[in-house]
Amino acid sequence: MREIDFELRGDFIPLDALLKATGLAESGGRAKAMVGEALVQVDGHTELRKTCKLRAGQRVTVADAQIRLHAAAPA
């Protein structure tokens, strides 16, 4: 399984935006379709909310990739 580390720029990122930002979805529309088709899991549970807020410490799994979300390093 491919591991992707993603650093948040704020407190959260919407699920569809994360899929697009990591390149797992080629567009926002495809990202929303992937969620709607129940292809995405958040912390081990299928997630159907396209814009659910993801925060540091959560894990998102899509096909053969897992994204780990991290808080931005303090400046």
PDB file of N, CA and C in Angstrom:
ATOM      1  N   MET A   1       0.843  -1.183   0.000  1.00  0.00           N
ATOM      2  CA  MET A   1       0.000   0.000   0.000  1.00  0.00           C
ATOM      3  C   MET A   1       0.891   1.251   0.000  1.00  0.00           C
ATOM      4  N   ARG A   2       0.553   2.189  -0.834  1.00  0.00           N
ATOM      5  CA  ARG A   2       1.302   3.447  -0.933  1.00  0.00           C
ATOM      6  C   ARG A   2       0.898   4.373   0.212  1.00  0.00           C
ATOM      7  N   GLU A   3       1.893   4.906   0.914  1.00  0.00           N
ATOM      8  CA  GLU A   3       1.666   5.829   2.034  1.00  0.00           C
ATOM      9  C   GLU A   3       1.921   7.261   1.562  1.00  0.00           C
ATOM     10  N   ILE A   4       0.992   8.158   1.858  1.00  0.00           N
ATOM     11  CA  ILE A   4       1.130   9.568   1.508  1.00  0.00           C
ATOM     12  C   ILE A   4       0.993  10.380   2.787  1.00  0.00           C
ATOM     13  N   ASP A   5       1.994  11.206   3.082  1.00  0.00           N
ATOM     14  CA  ASP A   5       1.912  12.126   4.219  1.00  0.00           C
ATOM     15  C   ASP A   5       1.447  13.473   3.695  1.00  0.00           C
ATOM     16  N   PHE A   6       0.425  14.038   4.325  1.00  0.00           N
ATOM     17  CA  PHE A   6      -0.131  15.317   3.883  1.00  0.00           C
ATOM     18  C   PHE A   6      -0.142  16.286   5.054  1.00  0.00           C
ATOM     19  N   GLU A   7       0.492  17.429   4.863  1.00  0.00           N
ATOM     20  CA  GLU A   7       0.551  18.452   5.914  1.00  0.00           C
ATOM     21  C   GLU A   7      -0.568  19.462   5.696  1.00  0.00           C
ATOM     22  N   LEU A   8      -1.397  19.628   6.707  1.00  0.00           N
ATOM     23  CA  LEU A   8      -2.497  20.584   6.639  1.00  0.00           C
ATOM     24  C   LEU A   8      -1.973  22.018   6.710  1.00  0.00           C
ATOM     25  N   ARG A   9      -2.611  22.911   5.979  1.00  0.00           N
ATOM     26  CA  ARG A   9      -2.247  24.333   6.037  1.00  0.00           C
ATOM     27  C   ARG A   9      -3.100  25.082   7.048  1.00  0.00           C
ATOM     28  N   GLY A  10      -4.241  24.514   7.399  1.00  0.00           N
ATOM     29  CA  GLY A  10      -5.147  25.107   8.377  1.00  0.00           C
ATOM     30  C   GLY A  10      -5.573  24.040   9.368  1.00  0.00           C
ATOM     31  N   ASP A  11      -6.735  24.230   9.949  1.00  0.00           N
ATOM     32  CA  ASP A  11      -7.241  23.263  10.929  1.00  0.00           C
ATOM     33  C   ASP A  11      -7.798  22.002  10.272  1.00  0.00           C
ATOM     34  N   PHE A  12      -8.287  22.132   9.027  1.00  0.00           N
ATOM     35  CA  PHE A  12      -8.911  20.986   8.359  1.00  0.00           C
ATOM     36  C   PHE A  12      -8.823  21.164   6.846  1.00  0.00           C
ATOM     37  N   ILE A  13      -9.170  20.073   6.142  1.00  0.00           N
ATOM     38  CA  ILE A  13      -9.310  20.102   4.683  1.00  0.00           C
ATOM     39  C   ILE A  13     -10.530  19.250   4.336  1.00  0.00           C
ATOM     40  N   PRO A  14     -11.375  19.702   3.409  1.00  0.00           N
ATOM     41  CA  PRO A  14     -12.507  18.873   2.985  1.00  0.00           C
ATOM     42  C   PRO A  14     -12.003  17.624   2.252  1.00  0.00           C
ATOM     43  N   LEU A  15     -12.722  16.535   2.389  1.00  0.00           N
ATOM     44  CA  LEU A  15     -12.311  15.261   1.808  1.00  0.00           C
ATOM     45  C   LEU A  15     -12.091  15.357   0.299  1.00  0.00           C
ATOM     46  N   ASP A  16     -13.014  15.955  -0.424  1.00  0.00           N
ATOM     47  CA  ASP A  16     -12.855  16.029  -1.878  1.00  0.00           C
ATOM     48  C   ASP A  16     -11.619  16.844  -2.261  1.00  0.00           C
ATOM     49  N   ALA A  17     -11.321  17.903  -1.528  1.00  0.00           N
ATOM     50  CA  ALA A  17     -10.136  18.715  -1.802  1.00  0.00           C
ATOM     51  C   ALA A  17      -8.855  17.926  -1.524  1.00  0.00           C
ATOM     52  N   LEU A  18      -8.868  17.086  -0.496  1.00  0.00           N
ATOM     53  CA  LEU A  18      -7.702  16.262  -0.175  1.00  0.00           C
ATOM     54  C   LEU A  18      -7.407  15.273  -1.300  1.00  0.00           C
ATOM     55  N   LEU A  19      -8.444  14.631  -1.808  1.00  0.00           N
ATOM     56  CA  LEU A  19      -8.255  13.657  -2.885  1.00  0.00           C
ATOM     57  C   LEU A  19      -7.657  14.327  -4.117  1.00  0.00           C
ATOM     58  N   LYS A  20      -8.103  15.524  -4.422  1.00  0.00           N
ATOM     59  CA  LYS A  20      -7.562  16.263  -5.566  1.00  0.00           C
ATOM     60  C   LYS A  20      -6.132  16.731  -5.279  1.00  0.00           C
ATOM     61  N   ALA A  21      -5.879  17.250  -4.079  1.00  0.00           N
ATOM     62  CA  ALA A  21      -4.551  17.773  -3.726  1.00  0.00           C
ATOM     63  C   ALA A  21      -3.476  16.689  -3.724  1.00  0.00           C
ATOM     64  N   THR A  22      -3.841  15.472  -3.403  1.00  0.00           N
ATOM     65  CA  THR A  22      -2.869  14.381  -3.362  1.00  0.00           C
ATOM     66  C   THR A  22      -2.730  13.677  -4.709  1.00  0.00           C
ATOM     67  N   GLY A  23      -3.541  14.059  -5.679  1.00  0.00           N
ATOM     68  CA  GLY A  23      -3.468  13.456  -7.000  1.00  0.00           C
ATOM     69  C   GLY A  23      -4.200  12.132  -7.132  1.00  0.00           C
ATOM     70  N   LEU A  24      -4.938  11.736  -6.098  1.00  0.00           N
ATOM     71  CA  LEU A  24      -5.693  10.486  -6.182  1.00  0.00           C
ATOM     72  C   LEU A  24      -6.951  10.646  -7.028  1.00  0.00           C
ATOM     73  N   ALA A  25      -7.383  11.894  -7.208  1.00  0.00           N
ATOM     74  CA  ALA A  25      -8.494  12.219  -8.105  1.00  0.00           C
ATOM     75  C   ALA A  25      -7.997  13.297  -9.056  1.00  0.00           C
ATOM     76  N   GLU A  26      -8.275  13.141 -10.340  1.00  0.00           N
ATOM     77  CA  GLU A  26      -7.775  14.092 -11.322  1.00  0.00           C
ATOM     78  C   GLU A  26      -8.559  15.401 -11.352  1.00  0.00           C
ATOM     79  N   SER A  27      -9.735  15.422 -10.720  1.00  0.00           N
ATOM     80  CA  SER A  27     -10.533  16.649 -10.660  1.00  0.00           C
ATOM     81  C   SER A  27     -11.421  16.614  -9.426  1.00  0.00           C
ATOM     82  N   GLY A  28     -11.985  17.763  -9.108  1.00  0.00           N
ATOM     83  CA  GLY A  28     -12.908  17.830  -7.974  1.00  0.00           C
ATOM     84  C   GLY A  28     -14.154  16.991  -8.218  1.00  0.00           C
ATOM     85  N   GLY A  29     -14.606  16.983  -9.461  1.00  0.00           N
ATOM     86  CA  GLY A  29     -15.780  16.174  -9.798  1.00  0.00           C
ATOM     87  C   GLY A  29     -15.510  14.694  -9.624  1.00  0.00           C
ATOM     88  N   ARG A  30     -14.329  14.253 -10.031  1.00  0.00           N
ATOM     89  CA  ARG A  30     -13.968  12.835  -9.855  1.00  0.00           C
ATOM     90  C   ARG A  30     -13.835  12.507  -8.379  1.00  0.00           C
ATOM     91  N   ALA A  31     -13.285  13.426  -7.592  1.00  0.00           N
ATOM     92  CA  ALA A  31     -13.145  13.205  -6.145  1.00  0.00           C
ATOM     93  C   ALA A  31     -14.524  13.010  -5.511  1.00  0.00           C
ATOM     94  N   LYS A  32     -15.483  13.844  -5.870  1.00  0.00           N
ATOM     95  CA  LYS A  32     -16.840  13.723  -5.331  1.00  0.00           C
ATOM     96  C   LYS A  32     -17.483  12.416  -5.773  1.00  0.00           C
ATOM     97  N   ALA A  33     -17.222  12.023  -7.014  1.00  0.00           N
ATOM     98  CA  ALA A  33     -17.769  10.753  -7.507  1.00  0.00           C
ATOM     99  C   ALA A  33     -17.177   9.575  -6.739  1.00  0.00           C
ATOM    100  N   MET A  34     -15.884   9.613  -6.468  1.00  0.00           N
ATOM    101  CA  MET A  34     -15.242   8.528  -5.722  1.00  0.00           C
ATOM    102  C   MET A  34     -15.871   8.371  -4.337  1.00  0.00           C
ATOM    103  N   VAL A  35     -16.131   9.486  -3.679  1.00  0.00           N
ATOM    104  CA  VAL A  35     -16.764   9.437  -2.353  1.00  0.00           C
ATOM    105  C   VAL A  35     -18.185   8.902  -2.498  1.00  0.00           C
ATOM    106  N   GLY A  36     -18.925   9.405  -3.481  1.00  0.00           N
ATOM    107  CA  GLY A  36     -20.298   8.959  -3.701  1.00  0.00           C
ATOM    108  C   GLY A  36     -20.404   7.486  -4.039  1.00  0.00           C
ATOM    109  N   GLU A  37     -19.361   6.937  -4.650  1.00  0.00           N
ATOM    110  CA  GLU A  37     -19.337   5.516  -5.013  1.00  0.00           C
ATOM    111  C   GLU A  37     -18.818   4.634  -3.869  1.00  0.00           C
ATOM    112  N   ALA A  38     -18.628   5.218  -2.686  1.00  0.00           N
ATOM    113  CA  ALA A  38     -18.176   4.492  -1.484  1.00  0.00           C
ATOM    114  C   ALA A  38     -16.796   3.872  -1.676  1.00  0.00           C
ATOM    115  N   LEU A  39     -15.897   4.590  -2.373  1.00  0.00           N
ATOM    116  CA  LEU A  39     -14.542   4.090  -2.608  1.00  0.00           C
ATOM    117  C   LEU A  39     -13.533   4.623  -1.599  1.00  0.00           C
ATOM    118  N   VAL A  40     -13.994   5.463  -0.668  1.00  0.00           N
ATOM    119  CA  VAL A  40     -13.089   6.155   0.251  1.00  0.00           C
ATOM    120  C   VAL A  40     -13.434   5.796   1.696  1.00  0.00           C
ATOM    121  N   GLN A  41     -12.385   5.524   2.480  1.00  0.00           N
ATOM    122  CA  GLN A  41     -12.570   5.259   3.907  1.00  0.00           C
ATOM    123  C   GLN A  41     -11.792   6.291   4.710  1.00  0.00           C
ATOM    124  N   VAL A  42     -12.401   6.731   5.807  1.00  0.00           N
ATOM    125  CA  VAL A  42     -11.742   7.633   6.749  1.00  0.00           C
ATOM    126  C   VAL A  42     -11.671   6.906   8.078  1.00  0.00           C
ATOM    127  N   ASP A  43     -10.471   6.721   8.572  1.00  0.00           N
ATOM    128  CA  ASP A  43     -10.243   6.004   9.834  1.00  0.00           C
ATOM    129  C   ASP A  43     -10.927   4.637   9.846  1.00  0.00           C
ATOM    130  N   GLY A  44     -10.885   3.955   8.698  1.00  0.00           N
ATOM    131  CA  GLY A  44     -11.403   2.599   8.616  1.00  0.00           C
ATOM    132  C   GLY A  44     -12.881   2.470   8.340  1.00  0.00           C
ATOM    133  N   HIS A  45     -13.596   3.591   8.176  1.00  0.00           N
ATOM    134  CA  HIS A  45     -15.039   3.565   7.928  1.00  0.00           C
ATOM    135  C   HIS A  45     -15.339   4.230   6.593  1.00  0.00           C
ATOM    136  N   THR A  46     -16.230   3.630   5.812  1.00  0.00           N
ATOM    137  CA  THR A  46     -16.622   4.222   4.532  1.00  0.00           C
ATOM    138  C   THR A  46     -17.228   5.591   4.784  1.00  0.00           C
ATOM    139  N   GLU A  47     -16.754   6.583   4.018  1.00  0.00           N
ATOM    140  CA  GLU A  47     -17.219   7.960   4.180  1.00  0.00           C
ATOM    141  C   GLU A  47     -17.993   8.372   2.930  1.00  0.00           C
ATOM    142  N   LEU A  48     -19.223   8.835   3.122  1.00  0.00           N
ATOM    143  CA  LEU A  48     -20.072   9.248   2.017  1.00  0.00           C
ATOM    144  C   LEU A  48     -20.297  10.758   1.962  1.00  0.00           C
ATOM    145  N   ARG A  49     -19.756  11.488   2.927  1.00  0.00           N
ATOM    146  CA  ARG A  49     -19.887  12.952   2.915  1.00  0.00           C
ATOM    147  C   ARG A  49     -18.722  13.524   2.113  1.00  0.00           C
ATOM    148  N   LYS A  50     -19.020  14.107   0.993  1.00  0.00           N
ATOM    149  CA  LYS A  50     -17.992  14.572   0.062  1.00  0.00           C
ATOM    150  C   LYS A  50     -17.096  15.659   0.642  1.00  0.00           C
ATOM    151  N   THR A  51     -17.650  16.496   1.483  1.00  0.00           N
ATOM    152  CA  THR A  51     -16.876  17.621   2.024  1.00  0.00           C
ATOM    153  C   THR A  51     -16.660  17.498   3.529  1.00  0.00           C
ATOM    154  N   CYS A  52     -16.629  16.271   4.046  1.00  0.00           N
ATOM    155  CA  CYS A  52     -16.398  16.121   5.480  1.00  0.00           C
ATOM    156  C   CYS A  52     -15.034  16.732   5.832  1.00  0.00           C
ATOM    157  N   LYS A  53     -14.955  17.331   6.993  1.00  0.00           N
ATOM    158  CA  LYS A  53     -13.734  18.010   7.427  1.00  0.00           C
ATOM    159  C   LYS A  53     -12.757  17.003   8.017  1.00  0.00           C
ATOM    160  N   LEU A  54     -11.565  16.953   7.451  1.00  0.00           N
ATOM    161  CA  LEU A  54     -10.527  16.057   7.932  1.00  0.00           C
ATOM    162  C   LEU A  54      -9.497  16.854   8.711  1.00  0.00           C
ATOM    163  N   ARG A  55      -9.050  16.297   9.818  1.00  0.00           N
ATOM    164  CA  ARG A  55      -8.113  16.985  10.698  1.00  0.00           C
ATOM    165  C   ARG A  55      -6.856  16.141  10.903  1.00  0.00           C
ATOM    166  N   ALA A  56      -5.854  16.755  11.482  1.00  0.00           N
ATOM    167  CA  ALA A  56      -4.586  16.075  11.758  1.00  0.00           C
ATOM    168  C   ALA A  56      -4.843  14.806  12.573  1.00  0.00           C
ATOM    169  N   GLY A  57      -4.118  13.754  12.232  1.00  0.00           N
ATOM    170  CA  GLY A  57      -4.249  12.484  12.937  1.00  0.00           C
ATOM    171  C   GLY A  57      -5.163  11.496  12.248  1.00  0.00           C
ATOM    172  N   GLN A  58      -5.957  11.958  11.301  1.00  0.00           N
ATOM    173  CA  GLN A  58      -6.864  11.053  10.607  1.00  0.00           C
ATOM    174  C   GLN A  58      -6.149  10.382   9.437  1.00  0.00           C
ATOM    175  N   ARG A  59      -6.717   9.246   9.007  1.00  0.00           N
ATOM    176  CA  ARG A  59      -6.176   8.492   7.873  1.00  0.00           C
ATOM    177  C   ARG A  59      -7.285   8.272   6.857  1.00  0.00           C
ATOM    178  N   VAL A  60      -6.931   8.466   5.601  1.00  0.00           N
ATOM    179  CA  VAL A  60      -7.876   8.279   4.499  1.00  0.00           C
ATOM    180  C   VAL A  60      -7.317   7.178   3.601  1.00  0.00           C
ATOM    181  N   THR A  61      -8.147   6.206   3.260  1.00  0.00           N
ATOM    182  CA  THR A  61      -7.731   5.096   2.411  1.00  0.00           C
ATOM    183  C   THR A  61      -8.553   5.100   1.131  1.00  0.00           C
ATOM    184  N   VAL A  62      -7.849   5.026   0.001  1.00  0.00           N
ATOM    185  CA  VAL A  62      -8.484   4.940  -1.318  1.00  0.00           C
ATOM    186  C   VAL A  62      -7.704   3.901  -2.109  1.00  0.00           C
ATOM    187  N   ALA A  63      -8.379   2.848  -2.521  1.00  0.00           N
ATOM    188  CA  ALA A  63      -7.753   1.779  -3.316  1.00  0.00           C
ATOM    189  C   ALA A  63      -6.465   1.314  -2.640  1.00  0.00           C
ATOM    190  N   ASP A  64      -5.321   1.526  -3.275  1.00  0.00           N
ATOM    191  CA  ASP A  64      -4.050   1.042  -2.741  1.00  0.00           C
ATOM    192  C   ASP A  64      -3.232   2.153  -2.082  1.00  0.00           C
ATOM    193  N   ALA A  65      -3.871   3.251  -1.692  1.00  0.00           N
ATOM    194  CA  ALA A  65      -3.153   4.374  -1.076  1.00  0.00           C
ATOM    195  C   ALA A  65      -3.772   4.754   0.263  1.00  0.00           C
ATOM    196  N   GLN A  66      -2.912   5.142   1.188  1.00  0.00           N
ATOM    197  CA  GLN A  66      -3.371   5.626   2.485  1.00  0.00           C
ATOM    198  C   GLN A  66      -2.724   6.985   2.744  1.00  0.00           C
ATOM    199  N   ILE A  67      -3.560   7.961   3.074  1.00  0.00           N
ATOM    200  CA  ILE A  67      -3.093   9.315   3.349  1.00  0.00           C
ATOM    201  C   ILE A  67      -3.125   9.535   4.857  1.00  0.00           C
ATOM    202  N   ARG A  68      -1.991  10.019   5.399  1.00  0.00           N
ATOM    203  CA  ARG A  68      -1.917  10.381   6.824  1.00  0.00           C
ATOM    204  C   ARG A  68      -1.857  11.888   6.907  1.00  0.00           C
ATOM    205  N   LEU A  69      -2.774  12.472   7.661  1.00  0.00           N
ATOM    206  CA  LEU A  69      -2.826  13.924   7.795  1.00  0.00           C
ATOM    207  C   LEU A  69      -2.034  14.379   9.011  1.00  0.00           C
ATOM    208  N   HIS A  70      -1.230  15.424   8.822  1.00  0.00           N
ATOM    209  CA  HIS A  70      -0.406  15.971   9.884  1.00  0.00           C
ATOM    210  C   HIS A  70      -0.662  17.468  10.018  1.00  0.00           C
ATOM    211  N   ALA A  71      -0.532  17.976  11.224  1.00  0.00           N
ATOM    212  CA  ALA A  71      -0.616  19.418  11.442  1.00  0.00           C
ATOM    213  C   ALA A  71       0.626  20.081  10.885  1.00  0.00           C
ATOM    214  N   ALA A  72       0.480  21.304  10.447  1.00  0.00           N
ATOM    215  CA  ALA A  72       1.619  22.053   9.939  1.00  0.00           C
ATOM    216  C   ALA A  72       2.612  22.281  11.077  1.00  0.00           C
ATOM    217  N   ALA A  73       3.900  22.271  10.732  1.00  0.00           N
ATOM    218  CA  ALA A  73       4.935  22.522  11.736  1.00  0.00           C
ATOM    219  C   ALA A  73       4.851  23.987  12.179  1.00  0.00           C
ATOM    220  N   PRO A  74       5.040  24.247  13.470  1.00  0.00           N
ATOM    221  CA  PRO A  74       4.974  25.642  13.935  1.00  0.00           C
ATOM    222  C   PRO A  74       6.075  26.479  13.277  1.00  0.00           C
ATOM    223  N   ALA A  75       5.718  27.731  13.016  1.00  0.00           N
ATOM    224  CA  ALA A  75       6.675  28.623  12.338  1.00  0.00           C
ATOM    225  C   ALA A  75       7.752  29.118  13.285  1.00  0.00           C
TER     226      ALA A  75
END
